[in-house]
Amino acid sequence: MSSDNQSFSCVSDEQWQAIMHNDSSYDTLFIYAVKSTGIFCRPSCKSRLPNKANVLIFKNAEQALSQGFRSCKRCKPEGLQIPDEDWVVQITDYIDSHYSQPLTLEVLANMCHGSPFHLQRTFKRIMNMTPVEYIQLVRIEHAKDLLKATEKSIGEIGKRIGVPNTPYFITLFKKKIGLTPLQYRKHLVGESVGEASDDGTK
């Protein structure tokens, strides 16, 4: 346990300057991991600058891996490229956990340290849908759960799943499900009433 605790340190001012300026001369001296994304990078990585408070410093990739961090696909701090399938899993996991927040290709690309173009192309090849389509799928599934389990208004449910524009939420829901959210809720009520009557006749 003590060796694990000493395998990383907080970022020094010098190291932070190297990260801020993407200084490649520090690439052989340390790598940094970001707690909020779970990814580790070279100092020269061109990814979005993280919050300094979330940065941990490691001597090498092995130490970061031992602490559960994943290698950045953009700067490849291990010298190896992450398989595309594993990369897409990272992206879908992020969407599954952050579907209620504003999500764009740029946000996802920054999170996973890749370009929006490469992200779009790779995601579609592996998932047979675009990242935006996957985001919509996740949001609609959560909306269905909320319509079934709560009595929240349609507008409130839209906000909960990351679609605060109520008319757009209704349009998107109908496009994906074939019913408006209100029709879907009434359909569920009708089904539950039918099941109750069936049980009563047995």
N, C-alpha and C. Protein backbone atom coordinates (compact mmCIF):
# COMPACT_ATOMS: atom_id res chain seq x y z
N MET A 1 0.83 -1.21 0.00
CA MET A 1 0.00 0.00 0.00
C MET A 1 0.86 1.25 0.00
N SER A 2 1.95 1.24 0.80
CA SER A 2 2.80 2.42 0.86
C SER A 2 3.49 2.68 -0.46
N SER A 3 3.89 1.60 -1.17
CA SER A 3 4.54 1.80 -2.47
C SER A 3 3.58 2.39 -3.47
N ASP A 4 2.31 1.98 -3.40
CA ASP A 4 1.29 2.55 -4.29
C ASP A 4 1.13 4.04 -4.02
N ASN A 5 1.13 4.38 -2.72
CA ASN A 5 0.93 5.79 -2.38
C ASN A 5 2.07 6.66 -2.88
N GLN A 6 3.28 6.07 -3.02
CA GLN A 6 4.43 6.84 -3.44
C GLN A 6 4.67 6.76 -4.94
N SER A 7 3.82 6.06 -5.68
CA SER A 7 4.02 5.93 -7.12
C SER A 7 3.58 7.18 -7.87
N PHE A 8 2.84 8.06 -7.22
CA PHE A 8 2.42 9.28 -7.87
C PHE A 8 2.57 10.46 -6.91
N SER A 9 2.52 11.66 -7.48
CA SER A 9 2.61 12.87 -6.67
C SER A 9 1.73 13.94 -7.28
N CYS A 10 1.49 14.99 -6.54
CA CYS A 10 0.75 16.12 -7.08
C CYS A 10 1.67 16.90 -8.02
N VAL A 11 1.05 17.64 -8.92
CA VAL A 11 1.82 18.34 -9.95
C VAL A 11 2.57 19.53 -9.36
N SER A 12 3.85 19.66 -9.72
CA SER A 12 4.65 20.80 -9.29
C SER A 12 4.43 21.96 -10.27
N ASP A 13 4.88 23.14 -9.90
CA ASP A 13 4.75 24.29 -10.79
C ASP A 13 5.49 24.06 -12.11
N GLU A 14 6.68 23.48 -12.03
CA GLU A 14 7.45 23.21 -13.24
C GLU A 14 6.73 22.22 -14.16
N GLN A 15 6.20 21.15 -13.56
CA GLN A 15 5.47 20.15 -14.34
C GLN A 15 4.20 20.73 -14.95
N TRP A 16 3.53 21.58 -14.18
CA TRP A 16 2.31 22.21 -14.68
C TRP A 16 2.61 23.11 -15.87
N GLN A 17 3.71 23.83 -15.82
CA GLN A 17 4.12 24.67 -16.94
C GLN A 17 4.40 23.81 -18.18
N ALA A 18 5.01 22.66 -17.96
CA ALA A 18 5.29 21.75 -19.09
C ALA A 18 3.99 21.24 -19.72
N ILE A 19 3.02 20.92 -18.87
CA ILE A 19 1.72 20.44 -19.37
C ILE A 19 1.00 21.57 -20.10
N MET A 20 1.01 22.76 -19.52
CA MET A 20 0.32 23.90 -20.12
C MET A 20 0.87 24.23 -21.51
N HIS A 21 2.19 24.07 -21.68
CA HIS A 21 2.83 24.47 -22.94
C HIS A 21 3.16 23.27 -23.83
N ASN A 22 2.61 22.09 -23.47
CA ASN A 22 2.83 20.88 -24.29
C ASN A 22 4.31 20.68 -24.59
N ASP A 23 5.12 20.77 -23.55
CA ASP A 23 6.57 20.73 -23.70
C ASP A 23 7.06 19.29 -23.86
N SER A 24 7.47 18.93 -25.08
CA SER A 24 7.87 17.55 -25.36
C SER A 24 9.19 17.18 -24.69
N SER A 25 9.97 18.18 -24.24
CA SER A 25 11.24 17.86 -23.59
C SER A 25 11.03 17.18 -22.24
N TYR A 26 9.79 17.22 -21.72
CA TYR A 26 9.48 16.57 -20.44
C TYR A 26 8.88 15.18 -20.63
N ASP A 27 8.67 14.76 -21.89
CA ASP A 27 7.98 13.50 -22.14
C ASP A 27 8.69 12.30 -21.52
N THR A 28 10.02 12.37 -21.43
CA THR A 28 10.76 11.24 -20.86
C THR A 28 10.92 11.35 -19.34
N LEU A 29 10.45 12.45 -18.77
CA LEU A 29 10.64 12.68 -17.34
C LEU A 29 9.44 12.28 -16.50
N PHE A 30 8.23 12.44 -17.05
CA PHE A 30 7.03 12.08 -16.30
C PHE A 30 5.85 11.96 -17.24
N ILE A 31 4.80 11.37 -16.76
CA ILE A 31 3.51 11.41 -17.44
C ILE A 31 2.49 11.90 -16.41
N TYR A 32 1.37 12.41 -16.89
CA TYR A 32 0.36 12.89 -15.95
C TYR A 32 -0.97 12.21 -16.21
N ALA A 33 -1.71 11.98 -15.14
CA ALA A 33 -3.03 11.37 -15.22
C ALA A 33 -4.06 12.38 -14.72
N VAL A 34 -5.28 12.27 -15.27
CA VAL A 34 -6.36 13.18 -14.89
C VAL A 34 -7.45 12.38 -14.21
N LYS A 35 -7.70 12.68 -12.95
CA LYS A 35 -8.66 11.90 -12.15
C LYS A 35 -10.07 11.95 -12.72
N SER A 36 -10.46 13.08 -13.30
CA SER A 36 -11.84 13.22 -13.78
C SER A 36 -12.12 12.41 -15.04
N THR A 37 -11.10 12.12 -15.84
CA THR A 37 -11.30 11.35 -17.07
C THR A 37 -10.77 9.93 -16.96
N GLY A 38 -9.84 9.69 -16.00
CA GLY A 38 -9.24 8.36 -15.87
C GLY A 38 -8.20 8.07 -16.93
N ILE A 39 -7.67 9.10 -17.59
CA ILE A 39 -6.72 8.93 -18.69
C ILE A 39 -5.38 9.54 -18.32
N PHE A 40 -4.28 8.91 -18.80
CA PHE A 40 -2.96 9.50 -18.58
C PHE A 40 -2.29 9.84 -19.91
N CYS A 41 -1.45 10.89 -19.87
CA CYS A 41 -0.89 11.48 -21.09
C CYS A 41 0.58 11.84 -20.93
N ARG A 42 1.22 12.11 -22.07
CA ARG A 42 2.53 12.73 -22.07
C ARG A 42 2.35 14.23 -21.79
N PRO A 43 3.37 14.91 -21.27
CA PRO A 43 3.26 16.37 -21.10
C PRO A 43 2.99 17.10 -22.42
N SER A 44 3.44 16.53 -23.54
CA SER A 44 3.28 17.20 -24.84
C SER A 44 1.91 17.00 -25.45
N CYS A 45 1.03 16.24 -24.78
CA CYS A 45 -0.29 15.94 -25.37
C CYS A 45 -1.06 17.23 -25.66
N LYS A 46 -1.70 17.26 -26.82
CA LYS A 46 -2.44 18.44 -27.26
C LYS A 46 -3.90 18.42 -26.80
N SER A 47 -4.23 17.56 -25.85
CA SER A 47 -5.61 17.49 -25.36
C SER A 47 -5.94 18.75 -24.56
N ARG A 48 -7.22 18.93 -24.28
CA ARG A 48 -7.66 20.09 -23.53
C ARG A 48 -6.99 20.13 -22.15
N LEU A 49 -6.58 21.32 -21.73
CA LEU A 49 -5.90 21.47 -20.45
C LEU A 49 -6.82 21.05 -19.31
N PRO A 50 -6.37 20.12 -18.46
CA PRO A 50 -7.23 19.67 -17.36
C PRO A 50 -7.23 20.66 -16.20
N ASN A 51 -8.10 20.40 -15.25
CA ASN A 51 -8.09 21.15 -13.99
C ASN A 51 -6.87 20.68 -13.19
N LYS A 52 -6.04 21.63 -12.78
CA LYS A 52 -4.79 21.28 -12.09
C LYS A 52 -5.04 20.41 -10.86
N ALA A 53 -6.15 20.65 -10.17
CA ALA A 53 -6.45 19.88 -8.96
C ALA A 53 -6.70 18.40 -9.25
N ASN A 54 -7.02 18.07 -10.51
CA ASN A 54 -7.31 16.68 -10.89
C ASN A 54 -6.10 15.93 -11.42
N VAL A 55 -4.94 16.60 -11.46
CA VAL A 55 -3.75 16.03 -12.09
C VAL A 55 -2.87 15.29 -11.08
N LEU A 56 -2.46 14.08 -11.44
CA LEU A 56 -1.48 13.31 -10.67
C LEU A 56 -0.27 13.04 -11.57
N ILE A 57 0.91 13.03 -11.00
CA ILE A 57 2.14 12.82 -11.75
C ILE A 57 2.68 11.41 -11.48
N PHE A 58 3.05 10.71 -12.55
CA PHE A 58 3.66 9.39 -12.44
C PHE A 58 5.00 9.39 -13.16
N LYS A 59 5.89 8.50 -12.74
CA LYS A 59 7.19 8.39 -13.40
C LYS A 59 7.07 7.72 -14.77
N ASN A 60 6.12 6.79 -14.89
CA ASN A 60 5.98 6.06 -16.15
C ASN A 60 4.56 5.53 -16.30
N ALA A 61 4.30 4.97 -17.49
CA ALA A 61 2.96 4.47 -17.82
C ALA A 61 2.56 3.30 -16.94
N GLU A 62 3.53 2.45 -16.59
CA GLU A 62 3.21 1.27 -15.78
C GLU A 62 2.60 1.67 -14.44
N GLN A 63 3.15 2.72 -13.83
CA GLN A 63 2.62 3.18 -12.55
C GLN A 63 1.18 3.69 -12.70
N ALA A 64 0.93 4.43 -13.77
CA ALA A 64 -0.43 4.94 -14.00
C ALA A 64 -1.41 3.79 -14.25
N LEU A 65 -0.98 2.82 -15.03
CA LEU A 65 -1.83 1.66 -15.30
C LEU A 65 -2.15 0.90 -14.02
N SER A 66 -1.15 0.80 -13.13
CA SER A 66 -1.36 0.07 -11.88
C SER A 66 -2.37 0.76 -10.97
N GLN A 67 -2.59 2.07 -11.20
CA GLN A 67 -3.57 2.82 -10.41
C GLN A 67 -4.93 2.89 -11.11
N GLY A 68 -5.08 2.17 -12.23
CA GLY A 68 -6.37 2.09 -12.89
C GLY A 68 -6.62 3.12 -13.97
N PHE A 69 -5.59 3.92 -14.33
CA PHE A 69 -5.76 4.90 -15.40
C PHE A 69 -5.57 4.25 -16.77
N ARG A 70 -6.17 4.87 -17.80
CA ARG A 70 -6.10 4.35 -19.17
C ARG A 70 -5.20 5.25 -20.03
N SER A 71 -4.55 4.64 -20.98
CA SER A 71 -3.63 5.36 -21.85
C SER A 71 -4.37 6.25 -22.84
N CYS A 72 -3.86 7.47 -23.04
CA CYS A 72 -4.45 8.41 -23.99
C CYS A 72 -4.28 7.92 -25.41
N LYS A 73 -5.34 7.97 -26.20
CA LYS A 73 -5.27 7.51 -27.57
C LYS A 73 -4.54 8.52 -28.46
N ARG A 74 -4.58 9.79 -28.07
CA ARG A 74 -3.97 10.82 -28.92
C ARG A 74 -2.44 10.81 -28.83
N CYS A 75 -1.90 10.85 -27.60
CA CYS A 75 -0.44 10.97 -27.46
C CYS A 75 0.26 9.64 -27.22
N LYS A 76 -0.50 8.56 -26.97
CA LYS A 76 0.04 7.21 -26.82
C LYS A 76 1.24 7.15 -25.87
N PRO A 77 1.05 7.45 -24.58
CA PRO A 77 2.16 7.48 -23.64
C PRO A 77 2.83 6.13 -23.41
N GLU A 78 2.17 5.04 -23.79
CA GLU A 78 2.81 3.72 -23.70
C GLU A 78 3.57 3.37 -24.97
N GLY A 79 3.42 4.22 -26.00
CA GLY A 79 4.01 3.89 -27.28
C GLY A 79 3.14 2.94 -28.08
N LEU A 80 1.96 2.64 -27.57
CA LEU A 80 1.04 1.72 -28.23
C LEU A 80 -0.30 2.41 -28.45
N GLN A 81 -0.98 2.02 -29.48
CA GLN A 81 -2.30 2.58 -29.74
C GLN A 81 -3.37 1.71 -29.09
N ILE A 82 -4.30 2.33 -28.40
CA ILE A 82 -5.40 1.59 -27.81
C ILE A 82 -6.26 1.00 -28.94
N PRO A 83 -6.65 -0.27 -28.85
CA PRO A 83 -7.55 -0.82 -29.87
C PRO A 83 -8.81 0.02 -29.99
N ASP A 84 -9.27 0.21 -31.22
CA ASP A 84 -10.45 1.05 -31.44
C ASP A 84 -11.65 0.59 -30.63
N GLU A 85 -11.79 -0.73 -30.49
CA GLU A 85 -12.94 -1.25 -29.74
C GLU A 85 -12.90 -0.79 -28.29
N ASP A 86 -11.69 -0.82 -27.68
CA ASP A 86 -11.55 -0.38 -26.29
C ASP A 86 -11.80 1.11 -26.17
N TRP A 87 -11.35 1.85 -27.17
CA TRP A 87 -11.56 3.30 -27.17
C TRP A 87 -13.05 3.63 -27.21
N VAL A 88 -13.79 2.93 -28.05
CA VAL A 88 -15.23 3.17 -28.17
C VAL A 88 -15.94 2.79 -26.88
N VAL A 89 -15.48 1.76 -26.20
CA VAL A 89 -16.07 1.39 -24.90
C VAL A 89 -15.89 2.54 -23.91
N GLN A 90 -14.71 3.18 -23.92
CA GLN A 90 -14.49 4.33 -23.05
C GLN A 90 -15.51 5.43 -23.34
N ILE A 91 -15.78 5.64 -24.63
CA ILE A 91 -16.70 6.70 -25.04
C ILE A 91 -18.13 6.36 -24.63
N THR A 92 -18.56 5.13 -24.88
CA THR A 92 -19.94 4.75 -24.52
C THR A 92 -20.11 4.78 -23.00
N ASP A 93 -19.08 4.39 -22.26
CA ASP A 93 -19.17 4.45 -20.79
C ASP A 93 -19.36 5.90 -20.34
N TYR A 94 -18.63 6.81 -20.99
CA TYR A 94 -18.74 8.22 -20.63
C TYR A 94 -20.15 8.74 -20.94
N ILE A 95 -20.68 8.39 -22.11
CA ILE A 95 -22.03 8.81 -22.49
C ILE A 95 -23.06 8.24 -21.51
N ASP A 96 -22.91 6.97 -21.17
CA ASP A 96 -23.85 6.33 -20.24
C ASP A 96 -23.89 7.05 -18.89
N SER A 97 -22.76 7.62 -18.48
CA SER A 97 -22.68 8.27 -17.17
C SER A 97 -23.00 9.76 -17.23
N HIS A 98 -22.92 10.38 -18.43
CA HIS A 98 -23.06 11.83 -18.55
C HIS A 98 -24.15 12.23 -19.55
N TYR A 99 -25.11 11.33 -19.82
CA TYR A 99 -26.13 11.58 -20.84
C TYR A 99 -26.97 12.82 -20.53
N SER A 100 -27.08 13.18 -19.25
CA SER A 100 -27.93 14.32 -18.89
C SER A 100 -27.22 15.66 -19.09
N GLN A 101 -25.94 15.61 -19.42
CA GLN A 101 -25.16 16.83 -19.63
C GLN A 101 -25.09 17.16 -21.12
N PRO A 102 -24.75 18.41 -21.47
CA PRO A 102 -24.57 18.74 -22.89
C PRO A 102 -23.43 17.92 -23.49
N LEU A 103 -23.72 17.16 -24.53
CA LEU A 103 -22.71 16.30 -25.16
C LEU A 103 -22.64 16.61 -26.65
N THR A 104 -21.45 16.90 -27.12
CA THR A 104 -21.20 17.13 -28.55
C THR A 104 -19.99 16.29 -28.95
N LEU A 105 -19.75 16.21 -30.25
CA LEU A 105 -18.56 15.51 -30.72
C LEU A 105 -17.30 16.11 -30.12
N GLU A 106 -17.29 17.44 -30.01
CA GLU A 106 -16.11 18.12 -29.46
C GLU A 106 -15.89 17.75 -28.00
N VAL A 107 -16.98 17.71 -27.23
CA VAL A 107 -16.87 17.33 -25.82
C VAL A 107 -16.33 15.90 -25.69
N LEU A 108 -16.88 14.99 -26.48
CA LEU A 108 -16.43 13.60 -26.43
C LEU A 108 -14.99 13.46 -26.90
N ALA A 109 -14.63 14.20 -27.94
CA ALA A 109 -13.26 14.13 -28.46
C ALA A 109 -12.26 14.63 -27.43
N ASN A 110 -12.61 15.71 -26.73
CA ASN A 110 -11.72 16.22 -25.68
C ASN A 110 -11.59 15.23 -24.54
N MET A 111 -12.73 14.60 -24.19
CA MET A 111 -12.71 13.64 -23.09
C MET A 111 -11.81 12.45 -23.41
N CYS A 112 -11.88 11.95 -24.63
CA CYS A 112 -11.14 10.73 -24.97
C CYS A 112 -9.86 11.01 -25.75
N HIS A 113 -9.52 12.29 -25.90
CA HIS A 113 -8.26 12.70 -26.52
C HIS A 113 -8.11 12.19 -27.95
N GLY A 114 -9.11 12.46 -28.76
CA GLY A 114 -9.05 12.15 -30.18
C GLY A 114 -9.67 13.30 -30.96
N SER A 115 -9.62 13.23 -32.27
CA SER A 115 -10.24 14.28 -33.07
C SER A 115 -11.72 13.96 -33.29
N PRO A 116 -12.58 14.98 -33.43
CA PRO A 116 -14.00 14.72 -33.70
C PRO A 116 -14.21 13.87 -34.95
N PHE A 117 -13.42 14.12 -35.99
CA PHE A 117 -13.58 13.36 -37.24
C PHE A 117 -13.26 11.88 -37.02
N HIS A 118 -12.14 11.61 -36.36
CA HIS A 118 -11.75 10.22 -36.12
C HIS A 118 -12.74 9.54 -35.19
N LEU A 119 -13.20 10.27 -34.20
CA LEU A 119 -14.19 9.73 -33.27
C LEU A 119 -15.47 9.33 -34.02
N GLN A 120 -15.97 10.23 -34.84
CA GLN A 120 -17.20 9.96 -35.59
C GLN A 120 -17.04 8.72 -36.47
N ARG A 121 -15.95 8.67 -37.20
CA ARG A 121 -15.73 7.57 -38.16
C ARG A 121 -15.53 6.24 -37.44
N THR A 122 -14.71 6.23 -36.38
CA THR A 122 -14.42 4.99 -35.67
C THR A 122 -15.65 4.48 -34.91
N PHE A 123 -16.35 5.38 -34.26
CA PHE A 123 -17.54 5.00 -33.50
C PHE A 123 -18.59 4.38 -34.41
N LYS A 124 -18.82 5.00 -35.57
CA LYS A 124 -19.84 4.48 -36.48
C LYS A 124 -19.45 3.12 -37.04
N ARG A 125 -18.17 2.93 -37.32
CA ARG A 125 -17.71 1.65 -37.86
C ARG A 125 -17.92 0.52 -36.86
N ILE A 126 -17.69 0.80 -35.58
CA ILE A 126 -17.78 -0.25 -34.57
C ILE A 126 -19.20 -0.43 -34.03
N MET A 127 -19.93 0.67 -33.87
CA MET A 127 -21.25 0.62 -33.24
C MET A 127 -22.41 0.60 -34.24
N ASN A 128 -22.10 0.82 -35.52
CA ASN A 128 -23.13 0.91 -36.56
C ASN A 128 -24.12 2.05 -36.31
N MET A 129 -23.66 3.06 -35.60
CA MET A 129 -24.43 4.28 -35.40
C MET A 129 -23.45 5.38 -35.03
N THR A 130 -23.87 6.63 -35.19
CA THR A 130 -22.99 7.74 -34.85
C THR A 130 -23.02 7.99 -33.34
N PRO A 131 -22.05 8.72 -32.80
CA PRO A 131 -22.11 9.06 -31.38
C PRO A 131 -23.40 9.79 -31.01
N VAL A 132 -23.86 10.69 -31.88
CA VAL A 132 -25.09 11.43 -31.61
C VAL A 132 -26.27 10.48 -31.53
N GLU A 133 -26.33 9.50 -32.42
CA GLU A 133 -27.42 8.53 -32.40
C GLU A 133 -27.38 7.70 -31.11
N TYR A 134 -26.17 7.37 -30.66
CA TYR A 134 -26.05 6.61 -29.41
C TYR A 134 -26.49 7.45 -28.22
N ILE A 135 -26.10 8.72 -28.21
CA ILE A 135 -26.53 9.63 -27.14
C ILE A 135 -28.06 9.69 -27.10
N GLN A 136 -28.69 9.83 -28.27
CA GLN A 136 -30.15 9.89 -28.33
C GLN A 136 -30.78 8.60 -27.83
N LEU A 137 -30.19 7.47 -28.19
CA LEU A 137 -30.70 6.17 -27.75
C LEU A 137 -30.67 6.06 -26.23
N VAL A 138 -29.55 6.44 -25.63
CA VAL A 138 -29.42 6.37 -24.17
C VAL A 138 -30.43 7.30 -23.50
N ARG A 139 -30.56 8.50 -24.02
CA ARG A 139 -31.48 9.47 -23.42
C ARG A 139 -32.93 9.00 -23.52
N ILE A 140 -33.31 8.46 -24.65
CA ILE A 140 -34.69 7.99 -24.82
C ILE A 140 -34.99 6.82 -23.90
N GLU A 141 -34.02 5.93 -23.72
CA GLU A 141 -34.23 4.80 -22.81
C GLU A 141 -34.45 5.29 -21.37
N HIS A 142 -33.69 6.29 -20.98
CA HIS A 142 -33.88 6.85 -19.63
C HIS A 142 -35.22 7.59 -19.53
N ALA A 143 -35.62 8.24 -20.61
CA ALA A 143 -36.91 8.92 -20.63
C ALA A 143 -38.05 7.91 -20.46
N LYS A 144 -37.94 6.78 -21.12
CA LYS A 144 -38.96 5.73 -21.00
C LYS A 144 -39.06 5.26 -19.54
N ASP A 145 -37.90 5.10 -18.90
CA ASP A 145 -37.91 4.67 -17.50
C ASP A 145 -38.60 5.71 -16.61
N LEU A 146 -38.31 6.99 -16.86
CA LEU A 146 -38.90 8.05 -16.05
C LEU A 146 -40.41 8.16 -16.31
N LEU A 147 -40.82 7.99 -17.54
CA LEU A 147 -42.25 8.03 -17.86
C LEU A 147 -43.00 6.89 -17.17
N LYS A 148 -42.32 5.78 -17.03
CA LYS A 148 -42.93 4.60 -16.41
C LYS A 148 -42.93 4.69 -14.89
N ALA A 149 -41.84 5.20 -14.32
CA ALA A 149 -41.65 5.11 -12.87
C ALA A 149 -42.04 6.38 -12.12
N THR A 150 -42.24 7.50 -12.83
CA THR A 150 -42.54 8.75 -12.14
C THR A 150 -43.75 9.44 -12.78
N GLU A 151 -44.21 10.48 -12.12
CA GLU A 151 -45.29 11.30 -12.67
C GLU A 151 -44.77 12.69 -13.05
N LYS A 152 -43.48 12.79 -13.27
CA LYS A 152 -42.88 14.07 -13.64
C LYS A 152 -43.43 14.55 -14.98
N SER A 153 -43.46 15.86 -15.15
CA SER A 153 -43.97 16.43 -16.40
C SER A 153 -43.04 16.08 -17.56
N ILE A 154 -43.56 16.19 -18.77
CA ILE A 154 -42.77 15.89 -19.96
C ILE A 154 -41.56 16.83 -20.03
N GLY A 155 -41.77 18.10 -19.71
CA GLY A 155 -40.67 19.06 -19.73
C GLY A 155 -39.59 18.72 -18.72
N GLU A 156 -39.99 18.30 -17.52
CA GLU A 156 -39.02 17.95 -16.48
C GLU A 156 -38.23 16.71 -16.88
N ILE A 157 -38.90 15.74 -17.49
CA ILE A 157 -38.20 14.53 -17.93
C ILE A 157 -37.19 14.88 -19.02
N GLY A 158 -37.59 15.77 -19.94
CA GLY A 158 -36.66 16.21 -20.98
C GLY A 158 -35.41 16.82 -20.38
N LYS A 159 -35.58 17.66 -19.37
CA LYS A 159 -34.42 18.27 -18.71
C LYS A 159 -33.56 17.21 -18.03
N ARG A 160 -34.20 16.24 -17.41
CA ARG A 160 -33.48 15.20 -16.68
C ARG A 160 -32.56 14.39 -17.60
N ILE A 161 -32.98 14.21 -18.84
CA ILE A 161 -32.19 13.37 -19.76
C ILE A 161 -31.28 14.18 -20.67
N GLY A 162 -31.22 15.49 -20.45
CA GLY A 162 -30.32 16.30 -21.24
C GLY A 162 -30.93 16.93 -22.48
N VAL A 163 -32.26 16.95 -22.57
CA VAL A 163 -32.94 17.58 -23.71
C VAL A 163 -33.92 18.62 -23.14
N PRO A 164 -33.42 19.81 -22.77
CA PRO A 164 -34.27 20.80 -22.10
C PRO A 164 -35.30 21.46 -23.00
N ASN A 165 -35.14 21.35 -24.32
CA ASN A 165 -36.10 21.91 -25.26
C ASN A 165 -37.27 20.93 -25.39
N THR A 166 -38.40 21.24 -24.76
CA THR A 166 -39.52 20.29 -24.69
C THR A 166 -40.07 19.90 -26.06
N PRO A 167 -40.34 20.86 -26.98
CA PRO A 167 -40.83 20.46 -28.30
C PRO A 167 -39.86 19.52 -29.02
N TYR A 168 -38.55 19.79 -28.89
CA TYR A 168 -37.58 18.91 -29.54
C TYR A 168 -37.58 17.53 -28.89
N PHE A 169 -37.69 17.50 -27.56
CA PHE A 169 -37.75 16.21 -26.86
C PHE A 169 -38.94 15.39 -27.34
N ILE A 170 -40.10 16.03 -27.46
CA ILE A 170 -41.31 15.33 -27.91
C ILE A 170 -41.12 14.80 -29.33
N THR A 171 -40.55 15.63 -30.20
CA THR A 171 -40.30 15.24 -31.59
C THR A 171 -39.33 14.07 -31.66
N LEU A 172 -38.23 14.16 -30.90
CA LEU A 172 -37.22 13.10 -30.90
C LEU A 172 -37.79 11.80 -30.36
N PHE A 173 -38.55 11.88 -29.28
CA PHE A 173 -39.14 10.69 -28.68
C PHE A 173 -40.07 9.99 -29.67
N LYS A 174 -40.93 10.78 -30.34
CA LYS A 174 -41.87 10.19 -31.30
C LYS A 174 -41.14 9.57 -32.48
N LYS A 175 -40.06 10.21 -32.90
CA LYS A 175 -39.27 9.68 -34.01
C LYS A 175 -38.67 8.32 -33.66
N LYS A 176 -38.22 8.18 -32.43
CA LYS A 176 -37.55 6.94 -32.01
C LYS A 176 -38.53 5.85 -31.58
N ILE A 177 -39.64 6.23 -30.94
CA ILE A 177 -40.55 5.26 -30.34
C ILE A 177 -41.84 5.08 -31.14
N GLY A 178 -42.23 6.12 -31.89
CA GLY A 178 -43.47 6.04 -32.64
C GLY A 178 -44.66 6.62 -31.89
N LEU A 179 -44.44 7.06 -30.65
CA LEU A 179 -45.46 7.70 -29.83
C LEU A 179 -44.85 8.93 -29.19
N THR A 180 -45.69 9.91 -28.86
CA THR A 180 -45.20 11.04 -28.07
C THR A 180 -44.98 10.55 -26.64
N PRO A 181 -44.23 11.27 -25.82
CA PRO A 181 -44.05 10.84 -24.43
C PRO A 181 -45.38 10.66 -23.69
N LEU A 182 -46.34 11.56 -23.93
CA LEU A 182 -47.63 11.44 -23.26
C LEU A 182 -48.38 10.20 -23.74
N GLN A 183 -48.35 9.94 -25.05
CA GLN A 183 -49.00 8.74 -25.57
C GLN A 183 -48.34 7.48 -25.01
N TYR A 184 -47.02 7.53 -24.89
CA TYR A 184 -46.29 6.37 -24.35
C TYR A 184 -46.69 6.12 -22.90
N ARG A 185 -46.82 7.19 -22.12
CA ARG A 185 -47.21 7.05 -20.71
C ARG A 185 -48.64 6.49 -20.62
N LYS A 186 -49.55 6.98 -21.45
CA LYS A 186 -50.92 6.47 -21.44
C LYS A 186 -50.95 5.00 -21.87
N HIS A 187 -50.09 4.67 -22.82
CA HIS A 187 -50.00 3.28 -23.27
C HIS A 187 -49.56 2.38 -22.12
N LEU A 188 -48.59 2.84 -21.33
CA LEU A 188 -48.13 2.06 -20.18
C LEU A 188 -49.23 1.88 -19.15
N VAL A 189 -50.00 2.96 -18.91
CA VAL A 189 -51.11 2.89 -17.97
C VAL A 189 -52.14 1.88 -18.46
N GLY A 190 -52.44 1.92 -19.76
CA GLY A 190 -53.39 0.98 -20.33
C GLY A 190 -52.92 -0.45 -20.18
N GLU A 191 -51.62 -0.68 -20.38
CA GLU A 191 -51.06 -2.03 -20.24
C GLU A 191 -51.19 -2.53 -18.80
N SER A 192 -50.90 -1.67 -17.83
CA SER A 192 -50.95 -2.08 -16.43
C SER A 192 -52.40 -2.38 -16.00
N VAL A 193 -53.34 -1.61 -16.54
CA VAL A 193 -54.74 -1.86 -16.25
C VAL A 193 -55.16 -3.20 -16.84
N GLY A 194 -54.68 -3.46 -18.06
CA GLY A 194 -55.00 -4.73 -18.72
C GLY A 194 -54.43 -5.90 -17.94
N GLU A 195 -53.21 -5.77 -17.47
CA GLU A 195 -52.60 -6.85 -16.70
C GLU A 195 -53.35 -7.09 -15.41
N ALA A 196 -53.81 -6.03 -14.77
CA ALA A 196 -54.55 -6.18 -13.51
C ALA A 196 -55.86 -6.92 -13.75
N SER A 197 -56.54 -6.58 -14.82
CA SER A 197 -57.82 -7.24 -15.10
C SER A 197 -57.60 -8.70 -15.46
N ASP A 198 -56.51 -8.97 -16.19
CA ASP A 198 -56.21 -10.36 -16.53
C ASP A 198 -55.96 -11.16 -15.26
N ASP A 199 -55.20 -10.58 -14.35
CA ASP A 199 -54.90 -11.28 -13.10
C ASP A 199 -56.18 -11.53 -12.31
N GLY A 200 -57.09 -10.55 -12.37
CA GLY A 200 -58.32 -10.66 -11.61
C GLY A 200 -59.23 -11.75 -12.12
N THR A 201 -59.11 -12.10 -13.41
CA THR A 201 -60.02 -13.11 -13.97
C THR A 201 -59.50 -14.52 -13.77
N LYS A 202 -58.19 -14.58 -13.35
CA LYS A 202 -57.64 -15.92 -13.21
C LYS A 202 -57.98 -16.52 -11.85
